[in-house]
C-alpha atoms as a PDB file:
ATOM      1  CA  MET A   1      -0.097   0.419   0.113  1.00  0.00           C
ATOM      2  CA  ASN A   2       3.156   2.110  -0.193  1.00  0.00           C
ATOM      3  CA  VAL A   3       2.641   3.083   3.496  1.00  0.00           C
ATOM      4  CA  LYS A   4       5.083   4.487   5.925  1.00  0.00           C
ATOM      5  CA  ILE A   5       5.147   3.324   9.454  1.00  0.00           C
ATOM      6  CA  HIS A   6       7.546   4.062  12.313  1.00  0.00           C
ATOM      7  CA  PRO A   7       9.414   0.542  12.788  1.00  0.00           C
ATOM      8  CA  SER A   8       8.684   0.488  16.701  1.00  0.00           C
ATOM      9  CA  TRP A   9       5.614  -0.770  15.782  1.00  0.00           C
ATOM     10  CA  GLY A  10       6.579  -3.622  14.024  1.00  0.00           C
ATOM     11  CA  ASN A  11       6.965  -6.229  16.657  1.00  0.00           C
ATOM     12  CA  ILE A  12       3.786  -4.951  18.431  1.00  0.00           C
ATOM     13  CA  LEU A  13       1.720  -5.374  15.176  1.00  0.00           C
ATOM     14  CA  GLN A  14       3.278  -8.203  13.492  1.00  0.00           C
ATOM     15  CA  GLN A  15       1.014 -10.719  14.325  1.00  0.00           C
ATOM     16  CA  GLU A  16      -2.022  -8.757  13.136  1.00  0.00           C
ATOM     17  CA  PHE A  17      -0.423  -7.773   9.994  1.00  0.00           C
ATOM     18  CA  ASP A  18      -0.175 -11.451   9.285  1.00  0.00           C
ATOM     19  CA  LYS A  19      -3.681 -12.407   9.878  1.00  0.00           C
ATOM     20  CA  PRO A  20      -6.278 -13.498   7.009  1.00  0.00           C
ATOM     21  CA  TYR A  21      -8.673 -10.342   7.923  1.00  0.00           C
ATOM     22  CA  PHE A  22      -5.552  -8.067   7.578  1.00  0.00           C
ATOM     23  CA  GLU A  23      -4.578  -9.498   4.379  1.00  0.00           C
ATOM     24  CA  GLY A  24      -8.315  -9.280   2.768  1.00  0.00           C
ATOM     25  CA  LEU A  25      -8.360  -5.753   3.921  1.00  0.00           C
ATOM     26  CA  VAL A  26      -5.022  -5.039   1.721  1.00  0.00           C
ATOM     27  CA  GLU A  27      -6.572  -7.171  -0.976  1.00  0.00           C
ATOM     28  CA  PHE A  28      -9.803  -4.875  -0.706  1.00  0.00           C
ATOM     29  CA  LEU A  29      -7.928  -1.526  -0.906  1.00  0.00           C
ATOM     30  CA  HIS A  30      -6.070  -2.748  -3.952  1.00  0.00           C
ATOM     31  CA  LYS A  31      -9.139  -3.674  -5.728  1.00  0.00           C
ATOM     32  CA  GLU A  32     -10.577  -0.008  -5.116  1.00  0.00           C
ATOM     33  CA  LYS A  33      -7.093   1.096  -6.329  1.00  0.00           C
ATOM     34  CA  ARG A  34      -7.823  -1.012  -9.759  1.00  0.00           C
ATOM     35  CA  GLU A  35     -11.422   0.169 -10.014  1.00  0.00           C
ATOM     36  CA  LYS A  36      -9.990   3.703  -9.847  1.00  0.00           C
ATOM     37  CA  LYS A  37     -11.791   4.537  -6.663  1.00  0.00           C
ATOM     38  CA  THR A  38     -10.302   7.548  -4.706  1.00  0.00           C
ATOM     39  CA  ILE A  39      -9.345   6.735  -1.130  1.00  0.00           C
ATOM     40  CA  TYR A  40      -8.466   8.909   1.813  1.00  0.00           C
ATOM     41  CA  PRO A  41      -6.051   9.801   2.990  1.00  0.00           C
ATOM     42  CA  PRO A  42      -3.639   8.571   0.198  1.00  0.00           C
ATOM     43  CA  GLY A  43      -1.421   5.525   0.794  1.00  0.00           C
ATOM     44  CA  PRO A  44       1.764   7.158   2.463  1.00  0.00           C
ATOM     45  CA  LYS A  45      -0.586   8.740   5.059  1.00  0.00           C
ATOM     46  CA  ILE A  46      -2.647   5.999   6.048  1.00  0.00           C
ATOM     47  CA  PHE A  47      -0.510   5.008   8.992  1.00  0.00           C
ATOM     48  CA  ASN A  48       0.664   8.694   9.477  1.00  0.00           C
ATOM     49  CA  ALA A  49      -0.292   8.282  13.152  1.00  0.00           C
ATOM     50  CA  PHE A  50       1.860   5.270  13.839  1.00  0.00           C
ATOM     51  CA  ASP A  51       4.780   6.805  11.712  1.00  0.00           C
ATOM     52  CA  LEU A  52       4.740  10.385  13.748  1.00  0.00           C
ATOM     53  CA  THR A  53       3.997   8.691  16.972  1.00  0.00           C
ATOM     54  CA  PRO A  54       6.466   5.709  17.742  1.00  0.00           C
ATOM     55  CA  PHE A  55       5.096   3.172  19.989  1.00  0.00           C
ATOM     56  CA  ASP A  56       7.420   3.813  22.877  1.00  0.00           C
ATOM     57  CA  ARG A  57       6.661   7.607  22.917  1.00  0.00           C
ATOM     58  CA  VAL A  58       2.769   7.191  23.165  1.00  0.00           C
ATOM     59  CA  ARG A  59       1.680   9.082  25.973  1.00  0.00           C
ATOM     60  CA  VAL A  60      -1.911  10.199  25.113  1.00  0.00           C
ATOM     61  CA  VAL A  61      -4.367   8.410  22.630  1.00  0.00           C
ATOM     62  CA  ILE A  62      -7.358  10.425  21.430  1.00  0.00           C
ATOM     63  CA  LEU A  63      -9.563   8.225  19.159  1.00  0.00           C
ATOM     64  CA  GLY A  64     -11.442   9.000  16.006  1.00  0.00           C
ATOM     65  CA  GLN A  65     -13.877   7.163  13.635  1.00  0.00           C
ATOM     66  CA  ASP A  66     -13.553   7.662  10.381  1.00  0.00           C
ATOM     67  CA  PRO A  67     -11.255   9.905   8.212  1.00  0.00           C
ATOM     68  CA  TYR A  68     -12.403  12.831   6.609  1.00  0.00           C
ATOM     69  CA  HIS A  69     -13.676  11.970   2.990  1.00  0.00           C
ATOM     70  CA  GLY A  70     -13.784  15.380   1.349  1.00  0.00           C
ATOM     71  CA  PRO A  71     -10.694  16.249  -1.018  1.00  0.00           C
ATOM     72  CA  GLY A  72      -7.702  17.130   0.345  1.00  0.00           C
ATOM     73  CA  GLN A  73      -8.938  16.802   4.416  1.00  0.00           C
ATOM     74  CA  ALA A  74      -7.565  13.538   5.762  1.00  0.00           C
ATOM     75  CA  GLU A  75      -3.921  13.099   6.752  1.00  0.00           C
ATOM     76  CA  GLY A  76      -4.139  10.186   8.735  1.00  0.00           C
ATOM     77  CA  LEU A  77      -4.759  11.601  12.191  1.00  0.00           C
ATOM     78  CA  SER A  78      -7.722  11.809  14.043  1.00  0.00           C
ATOM     79  CA  PHE A  79      -9.528  15.093  14.079  1.00  0.00           C
ATOM     80  CA  SER A  80      -6.358  16.617  12.279  1.00  0.00           C
ATOM     81  CA  VAL A  81      -6.418  18.396   8.657  1.00  0.00           C
ATOM     82  CA  PRO A  82      -3.310  19.519   6.743  1.00  0.00           C
ATOM     83  CA  HIS A  83      -1.931  22.963   6.807  1.00  0.00           C
ATOM     84  CA  GLY A  84      -4.123  25.246   4.685  1.00  0.00           C
ATOM     85  CA  VAL A  85      -7.364  23.382   4.853  1.00  0.00           C
ATOM     86  CA  LYS A  86     -10.487  24.648   6.599  1.00  0.00           C
ATOM     87  CA  LEU A  87     -11.102  23.732  10.225  1.00  0.00           C
ATOM     88  CA  PRO A  88     -13.911  21.212  10.466  1.00  0.00           C
ATOM     89  CA  PRO A  89     -16.696  21.686  12.994  1.00  0.00           C
ATOM     90  CA  SER A  90     -15.383  19.327  15.532  1.00  0.00           C
ATOM     91  CA  LEU A  91     -11.668  20.799  15.477  1.00  0.00           C
ATOM     92  CA  GLN A  92     -12.834  24.213  15.831  1.00  0.00           C
ATOM     93  CA  ASN A  93     -14.658  23.116  19.011  1.00  0.00           C
ATOM     94  CA  ILE A  94     -11.460  21.398  20.253  1.00  0.00           C
ATOM     95  CA  TYR A  95      -9.772  24.651  19.718  1.00  0.00           C
ATOM     96  CA  LYS A  96     -12.590  26.618  21.562  1.00  0.00           C
ATOM     97  CA  GLU A  97     -12.571  24.161  24.839  1.00  0.00           C
ATOM     98  CA  ILE A  98      -8.667  24.424  24.543  1.00  0.00           C
ATOM     99  CA  GLU A  99      -8.985  28.202  24.891  1.00  0.00           C
ATOM    100  CA  SER A 100     -11.727  28.022  27.646  1.00  0.00           C
ATOM    101  CA  ASP A 101      -9.812  25.103  29.511  1.00  0.00           C
ATOM    102  CA  THR A 102      -6.248  26.125  29.335  1.00  0.00           C
ATOM    103  CA  GLY A 103      -6.080  30.047  28.468  1.00  0.00           C
ATOM    104  CA  ILE A 104      -3.947  29.205  25.462  1.00  0.00           C
ATOM    105  CA  SER A 105      -5.002  31.109  22.348  1.00  0.00           C
ATOM    106  CA  THR A 106      -5.860  29.187  19.075  1.00  0.00           C
ATOM    107  CA  ALA A 107      -6.732  32.599  16.993  1.00  0.00           C
ATOM    108  CA  GLY A 108      -5.398  31.967  13.565  1.00  0.00           C
ATOM    109  CA  ARG A 109      -4.333  28.656  13.796  1.00  0.00           C
ATOM    110  CA  ASP A 110      -4.828  25.828  11.118  1.00  0.00           C
ATOM    111  CA  GLY A 111      -5.944  22.408  11.626  1.00  0.00           C
ATOM    112  CA  SER A 112      -2.853  20.326  11.460  1.00  0.00           C
ATOM    113  CA  LEU A 113      -2.435  18.417  14.732  1.00  0.00           C
ATOM    114  CA  VAL A 114       1.235  17.125  13.773  1.00  0.00           C
ATOM    115  CA  HIS A 115       2.844  19.095  16.473  1.00  0.00           C
ATOM    116  CA  TRP A 116       0.867  17.068  18.862  1.00  0.00           C
ATOM    117  CA  ALA A 117       1.394  13.769  17.479  1.00  0.00           C
ATOM    118  CA  GLU A 118       5.010  14.521  17.479  1.00  0.00           C
ATOM    119  CA  GLN A 119       4.667  14.930  21.559  1.00  0.00           C
ATOM    120  CA  GLY A 120       3.314  11.597  21.780  1.00  0.00           C
ATOM    121  CA  VAL A 121      -0.243  12.362  21.040  1.00  0.00           C
ATOM    122  CA  PHE A 122      -1.629   9.237  19.180  1.00  0.00           C
ATOM    123  CA  LEU A 123      -4.114  10.170  16.902  1.00  0.00           C
ATOM    124  CA  LEU A 124      -5.716   7.064  15.824  1.00  0.00           C
ATOM    125  CA  ASN A 125      -8.996   6.725  14.116  1.00  0.00           C
ATOM    126  CA  ALA A 126     -10.729   3.833  14.294  1.00  0.00           C
ATOM    127  CA  VAL A 127     -11.153   3.123  10.511  1.00  0.00           C
ATOM    128  CA  LEU A 128      -8.180   4.231   8.632  1.00  0.00           C
ATOM    129  CA  THR A 129      -9.560   4.897   4.874  1.00  0.00           C
ATOM    130  CA  VAL A 130     -12.888   6.004   3.528  1.00  0.00           C
ATOM    131  CA  ARG A 131     -13.909   6.290  -0.139  1.00  0.00           C
ATOM    132  CA  ALA A 132     -13.960   9.647  -1.378  1.00  0.00           C
ATOM    133  CA  SER A 133     -17.351  11.306  -0.533  1.00  0.00           C
ATOM    134  CA  GLU A 134     -18.560   8.097   1.078  1.00  0.00           C
ATOM    135  CA  PRO A 135     -18.461   8.407   4.589  1.00  0.00           C
ATOM    136  CA  THR A 136     -18.087   5.064   6.865  1.00  0.00           C
ATOM    137  CA  SER A 137     -17.509   3.288   3.484  1.00  0.00           C
ATOM    138  CA  HIS A 138     -14.916   1.318   4.754  1.00  0.00           C
ATOM    139  CA  SER A 139     -16.037   0.562   8.233  1.00  0.00           C
ATOM    140  CA  ARG A 140     -16.455  -3.030   7.683  1.00  0.00           C
ATOM    141  CA  ILE A 141     -13.262  -4.274   6.089  1.00  0.00           C
ATOM    142  CA  GLY A 142     -11.442  -5.318   8.963  1.00  0.00           C
ATOM    143  CA  TRP A 143      -9.984  -1.951  10.208  1.00  0.00           C
ATOM    144  CA  THR A 144     -11.931  -1.819  13.628  1.00  0.00           C
ATOM    145  CA  THR A 145     -10.318  -5.538  14.262  1.00  0.00           C
ATOM    146  CA  PHE A 146      -6.912  -3.894  13.682  1.00  0.00           C
ATOM    147  CA  THR A 147      -7.204  -0.785  15.803  1.00  0.00           C
ATOM    148  CA  ASP A 148      -9.267  -2.485  18.508  1.00  0.00           C
ATOM    149  CA  ALA A 149      -5.995  -4.750  18.586  1.00  0.00           C
ATOM    150  CA  VAL A 150      -3.691  -1.380  18.704  1.00  0.00           C
ATOM    151  CA  ILE A 151      -5.652  -0.151  21.527  1.00  0.00           C
ATOM    152  CA  LYS A 152      -5.354  -3.599  23.456  1.00  0.00           C
ATOM    153  CA  ALA A 153      -1.542  -3.817  22.591  1.00  0.00           C
ATOM    154  CA  ILE A 154      -1.313  -0.322  23.973  1.00  0.00           C
ATOM    155  CA  SER A 155      -3.028  -1.285  27.050  1.00  0.00           C
ATOM    156  CA  ASP A 156      -1.077  -4.422  27.537  1.00  0.00           C
ATOM    157  CA  HIS A 157       2.715  -3.049  26.950  1.00  0.00           C
ATOM    158  CA  LYS A 158       2.610   0.293  28.267  1.00  0.00           C
ATOM    159  CA  GLU A 159       1.644   1.958  31.463  1.00  0.00           C
ATOM    160  CA  GLY A 160      -0.022   5.340  32.366  1.00  0.00           C
ATOM    161  CA  VAL A 161      -1.149   6.111  29.181  1.00  0.00           C
ATOM    162  CA  ILE A 162      -4.201   8.626  28.973  1.00  0.00           C
ATOM    163  CA  PHE A 163      -6.892   7.862  26.599  1.00  0.00           C
ATOM    164  CA  LEU A 164      -9.385  10.524  25.813  1.00  0.00           C
ATOM    165  CA  LEU A 165     -12.480   9.089  24.478  1.00  0.00           C
ATOM    166  CA  TRP A 166     -15.291  11.338  23.145  1.00  0.00           C
ATOM    167  CA  GLY A 167     -18.463  10.342  21.946  1.00  0.00           C
ATOM    168  CA  ASN A 168     -20.273   7.195  22.572  1.00  0.00           C
ATOM    169  CA  TYR A 169     -18.293   5.354  19.674  1.00  0.00           C
ATOM    170  CA  ALA A 170     -14.895   5.882  21.416  1.00  0.00           C
ATOM    171  CA  ARG A 171     -16.250   5.271  24.959  1.00  0.00           C
ATOM    172  CA  SER A 172     -17.475   1.984  23.350  1.00  0.00           C
ATOM    173  CA  LYS A 173     -13.628   0.762  23.223  1.00  0.00           C
ATOM    174  CA  ARG A 174     -13.083   1.553  27.101  1.00  0.00           C
ATOM    175  CA  ASP A 175     -13.384  -2.340  27.575  1.00  0.00           C
ATOM    176  CA  LEU A 176     -10.089  -2.814  25.515  1.00  0.00           C
ATOM    177  CA  ILE A 177      -8.127  -0.489  28.128  1.00  0.00           C
ATOM    178  CA  ASP A 178      -6.680  -1.820  31.412  1.00  0.00           C
ATOM    179  CA  ARG A 179      -8.105   0.851  34.284  1.00  0.00           C
ATOM    180  CA  SER A 180      -5.476  -0.476  36.779  1.00  0.00           C
ATOM    181  CA  LYS A 181      -2.763   0.953  34.561  1.00  0.00           C
ATOM    182  CA  HIS A 182      -4.066   3.728  32.615  1.00  0.00           C
ATOM    183  CA  TYR A 183      -6.035   6.691  32.481  1.00  0.00           C
ATOM    184  CA  ILE A 184      -9.290   7.195  30.649  1.00  0.00           C
ATOM    185  CA  LEU A 185     -11.151  10.671  30.621  1.00  0.00           C
ATOM    186  CA  GLU A 186     -14.739  10.358  28.938  1.00  0.00           C
ATOM    187  CA  ALA A 187     -16.710  13.500  27.154  1.00  0.00           C
ATOM    188  CA  ALA A 188     -19.222  14.067  25.014  1.00  0.00           C
ATOM    189  CA  HIS A 189     -17.964  14.448  21.163  1.00  0.00           C
ATOM    190  CA  PRO A 190     -16.784  17.844  19.909  1.00  0.00           C
ATOM    191  CA  SER A 191     -19.183  17.437  16.882  1.00  0.00           C
ATOM    192  CA  PRO A 192     -21.787  20.661  17.168  1.00  0.00           C
ATOM    193  CA  LEU A 193     -24.388  17.448  16.663  1.00  0.00           C
ATOM    194  CA  ALA A 194     -23.574  17.090  20.508  1.00  0.00           C
ATOM    195  CA  ARG A 195     -24.844  20.539  21.158  1.00  0.00           C
ATOM    196  CA  GLY A 196     -21.947  21.501  23.433  1.00  0.00           C
ATOM    197  CA  ALA A 197     -21.922  18.851  25.568  1.00  0.00           C
ATOM    198  CA  PHE A 198     -18.331  18.738  24.914  1.00  0.00           C
ATOM    199  CA  PHE A 199     -17.531  21.710  26.459  1.00  0.00           C
ATOM    200  CA  GLY A 200     -16.097  22.095  29.880  1.00  0.00           C
ATOM    201  CA  CYS A 201     -14.862  18.671  29.793  1.00  0.00           C
ATOM    202  CA  ARG A 202     -11.424  20.271  30.707  1.00  0.00           C
ATOM    203  CA  HIS A 203      -9.517  17.205  29.190  1.00  0.00           C
ATOM    204  CA  PHE A 204      -6.421  19.127  27.850  1.00  0.00           C
ATOM    205  CA  SER A 205      -5.797  20.905  31.423  1.00  0.00           C
ATOM    206  CA  GLN A 206      -6.377  17.274  33.081  1.00  0.00           C
ATOM    207  CA  THR A 207      -3.978  15.557  30.777  1.00  0.00           C
ATOM    208  CA  ASN A 208      -1.142  17.969  31.292  1.00  0.00           C
ATOM    209  CA  ASN A 209      -1.891  17.628  35.248  1.00  0.00           C
ATOM    210  CA  ILE A 210      -1.694  13.766  35.069  1.00  0.00           C
ATOM    211  CA  LEU A 211       1.558  14.204  32.834  1.00  0.00           C
ATOM    212  CA  LEU A 212       3.402  16.872  35.079  1.00  0.00           C
ATOM    213  CA  ASN A 213       2.305  14.869  38.183  1.00  0.00           C
ATOM    214  CA  ARG A 214       4.202  11.744  36.833  1.00  0.00           C
ATOM    215  CA  GLY A 215       7.245  14.017  36.269  1.00  0.00           C
ATOM    216  CA  GLU A 216       6.598  14.231  32.251  1.00  0.00           C
ATOM    217  CA  LYS A 217       6.424  17.267  30.085  1.00  0.00           C
ATOM    218  CA  PRO A 218       3.131  18.446  29.687  1.00  0.00           C
ATOM    219  CA  ILE A 219       1.709  18.708  26.048  1.00  0.00           C
ATOM    220  CA  LYS A 220       1.981  22.079  24.248  1.00  0.00           C
ATOM    221  CA  TRP A 221      -1.693  22.239  22.885  1.00  0.00           C
END
């Protein structure tokens, strides 16, 4: 698939890559390509979250559901869009909460969250690809089996990771996480469809307080 993925994930996920469901997933994507379907994000960005945030540097996990399905929007990071792309509504609300919660100004900021990923914020979508203009079109091809395994691997092999679960879909993954080893912060989804229920969750300051109490550097949101 011409993907890029940091080698630190190799030993952790090789068993998943070798399973029949994943081979079928890859073949499905090759078939879509042969049929001239437009897939987002582009091949080299499908595993962008894994490439920008090595396994040993994962400190925070923010779980999204489906990649953006519009031209130029998806870059393989949950909630993030490339430099120069109009801010999606959910990301606008995330920025509003950051300002309210931390006092950090987000005025004029673009939508790329690469700087979060580089600090150890693993921006994982449950589904890693989508057909152009067809939301959830790849939701049943095997990605959720894979990303559930990713979440469980983080839970099993690491300690003290902060999982931010926004919305009912993300919250449904809580049973994959060992609460005795990790932190789980839950809130409504930042989408406008949640009618502002996301606001006031204070997850950004709470995350940094946990990191500081562990003697770690806070995230520069």
